[in-house]
Amino acid sequence: MLALLATLSIAQAADTDQPAIDAANAWLALVDAGKYGDSWTSAASLFKKAVTKEQWTAQATAARQPLGALVSRKVSTRTAATSLPGAPDGHYVVIQYESVFANKKSAVETVTPMLEPDGTWHVSGYYIK
């Protein structure tokens, strides 16, 4: 019985994370297509306050262009959080992807969507290593 309850709780958590994952995937599709300006426009207000559109475009180009085209990507972990270092309290999901690019066979992308006041999820952070 306890195992069943734990499984249901995990399934419910996965369901509640899905809108955040969907937002992250849509945002990553823009980045994958080289539409860095569009990715900035669709990002969370916190993201836009941290970096200008021009700065983001330059940083994203420098980070992503050498990697080449995306070959594959899959979610490896996702963690809901209400507090993150250097960010205001809120609702976040830290998603790590195992990614393969044409010029980098093993990368970890960390994408952090946040729930905006209007009830929609938008990416507030991106890191690749």
Protein backbone atom coordinates (compact mmCIF):
# COMPACT_ATOMS: atom_id res chain seq x y z
CA MET A 1 0.00 0.00 0.00
CA LEU A 2 2.80 2.43 0.91
CA ALA A 3 4.62 1.69 -2.36
CA LEU A 4 1.40 2.39 -4.29
CA LEU A 5 0.99 5.75 -2.53
CA ALA A 6 4.61 6.65 -3.28
CA THR A 7 4.09 5.74 -6.93
CA LEU A 8 0.94 7.85 -7.10
CA SER A 9 2.75 10.81 -5.52
CA ILE A 10 5.57 10.53 -8.07
CA ALA A 11 3.06 10.32 -10.92
CA GLN A 12 1.18 13.36 -9.61
CA ALA A 13 4.45 15.31 -9.30
CA ALA A 14 5.33 14.35 -12.87
CA ASP A 15 1.93 15.60 -14.05
CA THR A 16 2.37 18.94 -12.29
CA ASP A 17 5.86 19.36 -13.79
CA GLN A 18 4.65 18.76 -17.35
CA PRO A 19 3.67 22.37 -18.16
CA ALA A 20 7.14 23.49 -17.04
CA ILE A 21 8.77 20.79 -19.17
CA ASP A 22 6.62 21.76 -22.14
CA ALA A 23 7.70 25.41 -21.72
CA ALA A 24 11.35 24.36 -21.49
CA ASN A 25 11.07 22.19 -24.61
CA ALA A 26 9.40 24.97 -26.61
CA TRP A 27 12.09 27.41 -25.50
CA LEU A 28 14.88 24.97 -26.35
CA ALA A 29 13.38 24.52 -29.83
CA LEU A 30 13.92 28.25 -30.40
CA VAL A 31 17.50 28.02 -29.17
CA ASP A 32 18.13 24.91 -31.30
CA ALA A 33 16.89 26.83 -34.35
CA GLY A 34 19.28 29.70 -33.60
CA LYS A 35 16.35 32.00 -32.82
CA TYR A 36 18.10 33.50 -29.81
CA GLY A 37 16.21 36.79 -29.95
CA ASP A 38 12.91 34.92 -29.94
CA SER A 39 14.08 32.77 -27.03
CA TRP A 40 14.88 35.93 -25.07
CA THR A 41 11.46 37.38 -25.91
CA SER A 42 9.70 34.24 -24.68
CA ALA A 43 11.82 33.93 -21.51
CA ALA A 44 10.73 34.79 -17.98
CA SER A 45 10.84 38.39 -16.79
CA LEU A 46 13.63 37.37 -14.38
CA PHE A 47 15.74 36.20 -17.35
CA LYS A 48 15.12 39.47 -19.22
CA LYS A 49 16.12 41.52 -16.17
CA ALA A 50 19.39 39.59 -15.90
CA VAL A 51 20.54 39.92 -19.51
CA THR A 52 19.67 42.14 -22.46
CA LYS A 53 18.48 40.63 -25.73
CA GLU A 54 21.80 41.56 -27.36
CA GLN A 55 23.85 40.06 -24.52
CA TRP A 56 21.81 36.85 -24.61
CA THR A 57 22.14 36.57 -28.39
CA ALA A 58 25.93 36.95 -28.16
CA GLN A 59 26.25 34.50 -25.25
CA ALA A 60 23.96 31.90 -26.79
CA THR A 61 25.74 32.11 -30.14
CA ALA A 62 29.12 31.67 -28.47
CA ALA A 63 27.93 28.71 -26.39
CA ARG A 64 25.81 26.84 -28.90
CA GLN A 65 27.35 27.42 -32.32
CA PRO A 66 30.51 25.35 -31.68
CA LEU A 67 28.35 22.38 -30.58
CA GLY A 68 26.72 21.98 -33.97
CA ALA A 69 23.23 20.65 -34.54
CA LEU A 70 21.25 18.90 -31.84
CA VAL A 71 21.26 15.12 -32.33
CA SER A 72 19.21 14.06 -29.29
CA ARG A 73 17.98 15.30 -25.94
CA LYS A 74 16.16 13.62 -23.07
CA VAL A 75 15.13 14.70 -19.61
CA SER A 76 17.39 13.09 -17.02
CA THR A 77 16.17 14.85 -13.86
CA ARG A 78 13.59 17.39 -12.83
CA THR A 79 13.28 18.96 -9.43
CA ALA A 80 10.59 21.33 -8.23
CA ALA A 81 11.82 24.17 -6.02
CA THR A 82 10.44 27.26 -4.35
CA SER A 83 13.83 28.75 -3.51
CA LEU A 84 16.96 28.91 -5.69
CA PRO A 85 20.28 30.69 -5.08
CA GLY A 86 20.27 34.21 -6.48
CA ALA A 87 16.59 34.12 -7.44
CA PRO A 88 13.46 35.35 -5.69
CA ASP A 89 11.24 32.77 -4.04
CA GLY A 90 8.70 31.34 -6.45
CA HIS A 91 7.79 28.14 -8.27
CA TYR A 92 10.59 26.64 -10.35
CA VAL A 93 11.39 23.31 -11.96
CA VAL A 94 15.08 22.61 -12.52
CA ILE A 95 15.28 20.29 -15.52
CA GLN A 96 18.46 18.56 -16.60
CA TYR A 97 18.71 17.08 -20.06
CA GLU A 98 21.23 14.59 -21.39
CA SER A 99 22.00 16.05 -24.80
CA VAL A 100 24.04 15.02 -27.82
CA PHE A 101 25.20 17.53 -30.42
CA ALA A 102 27.02 17.00 -33.71
CA ASN A 103 30.28 18.27 -32.20
CA LYS A 104 29.76 17.25 -28.56
CA LYS A 105 28.66 13.73 -27.81
CA SER A 106 27.78 14.28 -24.15
CA ALA A 107 26.39 17.49 -22.72
CA VAL A 108 24.16 18.38 -19.80
CA GLU A 109 21.72 21.21 -20.34
CA THR A 110 20.03 22.70 -17.29
CA VAL A 111 16.87 24.66 -17.99
CA THR A 112 14.90 26.32 -15.20
CA PRO A 113 11.35 27.37 -16.00
CA MET A 114 9.50 29.48 -13.46
CA LEU A 115 5.82 30.09 -12.94
CA GLU A 116 5.08 33.71 -13.82
CA PRO A 117 2.39 35.73 -11.98
CA ASP A 118 0.01 35.23 -14.92
CA GLY A 119 0.12 31.45 -14.34
CA THR A 120 2.33 30.57 -17.33
CA TRP A 121 5.73 28.90 -17.28
CA HIS A 122 8.72 30.65 -18.85
CA VAL A 123 12.44 29.84 -18.80
CA SER A 124 14.35 31.81 -16.19
CA GLY A 125 17.73 30.15 -16.60
CA TYR A 126 19.85 28.07 -18.97
CA TYR A 127 23.23 26.45 -18.49
CA ILE A 128 25.11 23.96 -20.63
CA LYS A 129 28.19 21.94 -19.80
